[in-house]
C-alpha atoms as a PDB file:
ATOM      1  CA  MET A   1     103.383 115.943  94.656  1.00  0.00           C
ATOM      2  CA  ASP A   2      99.648 115.440  93.506  1.00  0.00           C
ATOM      3  CA  VAL A   3      96.703 113.533  94.979  1.00  0.00           C
ATOM      4  CA  LEU A   4      97.309 110.490  93.188  1.00  0.00           C
ATOM      5  CA  ASP A   5     101.041 110.353  93.728  1.00  0.00           C
ATOM      6  CA  ARG A   6     100.255 111.120  97.655  1.00  0.00           C
ATOM      7  CA  TYR A   7      97.772 108.289  97.707  1.00  0.00           C
ATOM      8  CA  ILE A   8     100.054 105.630  96.069  1.00  0.00           C
ATOM      9  CA  ARG A   9     102.710 106.361  98.266  1.00  0.00           C
ATOM     10  CA  ASP A  10     100.387 106.141 101.673  1.00  0.00           C
ATOM     11  CA  ARG A  11      98.469 103.340 100.500  1.00  0.00           C
ATOM     12  CA  SER A  12     102.083 101.788  99.725  1.00  0.00           C
ATOM     13  CA  GLN A  13     103.311 102.436 102.942  1.00  0.00           C
ATOM     14  CA  LYS A  14     100.167 100.986 104.780  1.00  0.00           C
ATOM     15  CA  ASP A  15      99.508  98.263 102.535  1.00  0.00           C
ATOM     16  CA  PRO A  16     102.103  95.588 101.498  1.00  0.00           C
ATOM     17  CA  GLU A  17     100.002  93.736  99.230  1.00  0.00           C
ATOM     18  CA  PHE A  18      99.222  97.153  97.264  1.00  0.00           C
ATOM     19  CA  LYS A  19     102.964  97.922  97.167  1.00  0.00           C
ATOM     20  CA  GLU A  20     103.446  94.534  95.631  1.00  0.00           C
ATOM     21  CA  GLU A  21     100.929  94.726  93.012  1.00  0.00           C
ATOM     22  CA  LEU A  22     101.988  98.234  92.169  1.00  0.00           C
ATOM     23  CA  LYS A  23     105.651  96.847  91.728  1.00  0.00           C
ATOM     24  CA  LYS A  24     104.344  94.267  89.078  1.00  0.00           C
ATOM     25  CA  ALA A  25     102.171  96.795  87.405  1.00  0.00           C
ATOM     26  CA  ASP A  26     105.170  98.743  86.837  1.00  0.00           C
ATOM     27  CA  GLU A  27     107.157  95.583  85.649  1.00  0.00           C
ATOM     28  CA  ARG A  28     104.431  94.885  82.940  1.00  0.00           C
ATOM     29  CA  LEU A  29     104.449  98.679  81.798  1.00  0.00           C
ATOM     30  CA  ASP A  30     108.299  98.295  81.365  1.00  0.00           C
ATOM     31  CA  ALA A  31     107.903  95.175  79.503  1.00  0.00           C
ATOM     32  CA  SER A  32     105.189  96.613  77.276  1.00  0.00           C
ATOM     33  CA  LEU A  33     106.991 100.022  76.398  1.00  0.00           C
ATOM     34  CA  MET A  34     110.493  97.917  75.689  1.00  0.00           C
ATOM     35  CA  LEU A  35     108.481  95.537  73.223  1.00  0.00           C
ATOM     36  CA  VAL A  36     106.255  98.414  71.384  1.00  0.00           C
ATOM     37  CA  LYS A  37     109.782 100.347  71.047  1.00  0.00           C
ATOM     38  CA  LEU A  38     111.384  97.344  69.571  1.00  0.00           C
ATOM     39  CA  ARG A  39     108.789  96.903  67.200  1.00  0.00           C
ATOM     40  CA  ASP A  40     108.469 100.337  66.222  1.00  0.00           C
ATOM     41  CA  GLU A  41     112.478 100.491  65.680  1.00  0.00           C
ATOM     42  CA  GLU A  42     112.576  97.153  63.801  1.00  0.00           C
ATOM     43  CA  GLY A  43     109.431  97.912  61.659  1.00  0.00           C
ATOM     44  CA  LEU A  44     107.586  94.557  62.495  1.00  0.00           C
ATOM     45  CA  SER A  45     103.911  94.131  63.137  1.00  0.00           C
ATOM     46  CA  GLN A  46     103.127  91.795  66.094  1.00  0.00           C
ATOM     47  CA  ARG A  47     102.700  88.819  63.914  1.00  0.00           C
ATOM     48  CA  GLU A  48     105.851  89.295  62.293  1.00  0.00           C
ATOM     49  CA  LEU A  49     107.866  89.570  65.584  1.00  0.00           C
ATOM     50  CA  ALA A  50     105.936  86.549  67.058  1.00  0.00           C
ATOM     51  CA  LYS A  51     107.024  84.323  64.020  1.00  0.00           C
ATOM     52  CA  LYS A  52     110.661  85.730  64.342  1.00  0.00           C
ATOM     53  CA  ALA A  53     110.755  84.691  68.119  1.00  0.00           C
ATOM     54  CA  ASN A  54     108.811  81.455  67.494  1.00  0.00           C
ATOM     55  CA  VAL A  55     106.163  82.719  70.097  1.00  0.00           C
ATOM     56  CA  ALA A  56     102.206  83.117  69.579  1.00  0.00           C
ATOM     57  CA  LYS A  57     101.005  86.217  68.418  1.00  0.00           C
ATOM     58  CA  SER A  58      98.725  86.338  71.521  1.00  0.00           C
ATOM     59  CA  THR A  59     101.715  86.511  73.855  1.00  0.00           C
ATOM     60  CA  ILE A  60     103.044  89.398  72.099  1.00  0.00           C
ATOM     61  CA  THR A  61      99.607  91.033  72.614  1.00  0.00           C
ATOM     62  CA  LYS A  62      99.697  90.561  76.117  1.00  0.00           C
ATOM     63  CA  ILE A  63     102.592  91.614  76.822  1.00  0.00           C
ATOM     64  CA  GLU A  64     102.127  94.791  74.899  1.00  0.00           C
ATOM     65  CA  THR A  65      98.598  95.246  76.478  1.00  0.00           C
ATOM     66  CA  GLY A  66     100.116  94.686  80.137  1.00  0.00           C
ATOM     67  CA  GLN A  67      98.047  91.641  80.402  1.00  0.00           C
ATOM     68  CA  MET A  68     101.023  89.558  81.195  1.00  0.00           C
ATOM     69  CA  ASN A  69     104.353  89.856  83.101  1.00  0.00           C
ATOM     70  CA  PRO A  70     106.846  88.124  80.964  1.00  0.00           C
ATOM     71  CA  THR A  71     109.961  86.421  82.298  1.00  0.00           C
ATOM     72  CA  PHE A  72     113.505  87.529  81.452  1.00  0.00           C
ATOM     73  CA  ASN A  73     113.889  84.542  79.391  1.00  0.00           C
ATOM     74  CA  LEU A  74     110.631  85.180  77.545  1.00  0.00           C
ATOM     75  CA  MET A  75     111.656  88.791  76.883  1.00  0.00           C
ATOM     76  CA  ASP A  76     115.478  87.589  76.127  1.00  0.00           C
ATOM     77  CA  LYS A  77     113.975  85.313  73.450  1.00  0.00           C
ATOM     78  CA  ILE A  78     111.880  88.013  71.586  1.00  0.00           C
ATOM     79  CA  VAL A  79     114.637  90.310  71.825  1.00  0.00           C
ATOM     80  CA  THR A  80     117.393  88.243  70.544  1.00  0.00           C
ATOM     81  CA  ALA A  81     115.160  87.112  67.510  1.00  0.00           C
ATOM     82  CA  THR A  82     115.629  90.487  66.057  1.00  0.00           C
ATOM     83  CA  GLY A  83     119.224  90.605  66.771  1.00  0.00           C
ATOM     84  CA  ARG A  84     119.255  92.746  69.632  1.00  0.00           C
ATOM     85  CA  GLN A  85     120.107  92.282  73.499  1.00  0.00           C
ATOM     86  CA  ILE A  86     118.722  93.261  76.520  1.00  0.00           C
ATOM     87  CA  LYS A  87     120.862  95.169  78.938  1.00  0.00           C
ATOM     88  CA  LEU A  88     120.456  94.355  82.904  1.00  0.00           C
ATOM     89  CA  GLU A  89     121.441  97.415  85.151  1.00  0.00           C
ATOM     90  CA  LEU A  90     121.471  97.612  88.948  1.00  0.00           C
ATOM     91  CA  ILE A  91     120.127 101.146  90.052  1.00  0.00           C
END
Protein backbone atom coordinates (compact mmCIF):
# COMPACT_ATOMS: atom_id res chain seq x y z
CA MET A 1 0.00 0.00 0.00
CA ASP A 2 1.47 3.30 -1.03
CA VAL A 3 1.29 6.66 0.73
CA LEU A 4 -1.79 7.82 -1.18
CA ASP A 5 -3.70 4.62 -0.42
CA ARG A 6 -2.89 4.95 3.28
CA TYR A 7 -3.94 8.60 3.29
CA ILE A 8 -7.26 7.79 1.62
CA ARG A 9 -7.91 4.88 3.98
CA ASP A 10 -7.07 6.92 7.08
CA ARG A 11 -8.99 10.01 5.97
CA SER A 12 -12.02 7.92 5.02
CA GLN A 13 -12.07 6.35 8.48
CA LYS A 14 -11.87 9.73 10.21
CA ASP A 15 -14.02 11.87 7.91
CA PRO A 16 -17.46 10.57 6.81
CA GLU A 17 -17.91 13.51 4.42
CA PHE A 18 -14.63 12.69 2.69
CA LYS A 19 -15.67 9.05 2.46
CA GLU A 20 -18.99 10.00 0.85
CA GLU A 21 -17.33 12.33 -1.67
CA LEU A 22 -14.83 9.60 -2.54
CA LYS A 23 -17.72 7.21 -3.16
CA LYS A 24 -19.41 9.75 -5.46
CA ALA A 25 -16.16 10.26 -7.37
CA ASP A 26 -15.84 6.49 -7.85
CA GLU A 27 -19.41 6.35 -9.18
CA ARG A 28 -18.71 9.19 -11.63
CA LEU A 29 -15.56 7.41 -12.82
CA ASP A 30 -17.48 4.15 -13.32
CA ALA A 31 -20.16 5.93 -15.38
CA SER A 32 -17.50 7.76 -17.38
CA LEU A 33 -15.58 4.60 -18.22
CA MET A 34 -18.78 2.76 -19.12
CA LEU A 35 -19.89 5.46 -21.54
CA VAL A 36 -16.49 5.85 -23.19
CA LYS A 37 -16.26 2.07 -23.65
CA LEU A 38 -19.80 1.94 -25.05
CA ARG A 39 -19.10 4.70 -27.57
CA ASP A 40 -15.83 3.07 -28.60
CA GLU A 41 -17.44 -0.34 -29.07
CA GLU A 42 -20.34 1.16 -31.02
CA GLY A 43 -18.09 3.46 -33.08
CA LEU A 44 -20.08 6.55 -32.09
CA SER A 45 -19.06 10.13 -31.45
CA GLN A 46 -20.48 11.97 -28.46
CA ARG A 47 -22.81 13.83 -30.81
CA GLU A 48 -24.03 10.61 -32.46
CA LEU A 49 -24.67 8.91 -29.12
CA ALA A 50 -26.48 11.97 -27.79
CA LYS A 51 -28.72 12.04 -30.86
CA LYS A 52 -29.54 8.31 -30.56
CA ALA A 53 -30.38 8.72 -26.86
CA ASN A 54 -32.22 12.02 -27.35
CA VAL A 55 -30.05 13.83 -24.81
CA ALA A 56 -27.86 16.90 -25.15
CA LYS A 57 -24.28 16.32 -26.30
CA SER A 58 -23.22 18.28 -23.23
CA THR A 59 -24.81 15.57 -21.07
CA ILE A 60 -22.60 12.92 -22.68
CA THR A 61 -19.57 15.18 -22.28
CA LYS A 62 -20.31 15.88 -18.61
CA ILE A 63 -20.71 12.19 -17.82
CA GLU A 64 -17.52 11.24 -19.67
CA THR A 65 -15.48 13.96 -17.96
CA GLY A 66 -16.83 13.17 -14.49
CA GLN A 67 -18.66 16.47 -14.15
CA MET A 68 -21.98 14.70 -13.74
CA ASN A 69 -23.05 11.73 -11.66
CA PRO A 70 -25.87 10.40 -13.83
CA THR A 71 -28.91 8.61 -12.48
CA PHE A 72 -29.47 4.97 -13.32
CA ASN A 73 -32.43 5.99 -15.49
CA LEU A 74 -30.29 8.36 -17.54
CA MET A 75 -27.55 5.76 -18.06
CA ASP A 76 -30.19 3.19 -18.98
CA LYS A 77 -31.71 5.58 -21.52
CA ILE A 78 -28.33 6.19 -23.13
CA VAL A 79 -27.26 2.55 -23.15
CA THR A 80 -30.56 1.17 -24.44
CA ALA A 81 -30.50 3.69 -27.28
CA THR A 82 -27.63 1.60 -28.69
CA GLY A 83 -29.57 -1.66 -28.30
CA ARG A 84 -27.54 -2.69 -25.27
CA GLN A 85 -28.55 -3.21 -21.62
CA ILE A 86 -27.12 -2.41 -18.21
CA LYS A 87 -26.64 -5.36 -15.87
CA LEU A 88 -26.86 -4.68 -12.14
CA GLU A 89 -25.00 -6.94 -9.72
CA LEU A 90 -24.70 -7.06 -5.98
CA ILE A 91 -21.10 -7.35 -4.93
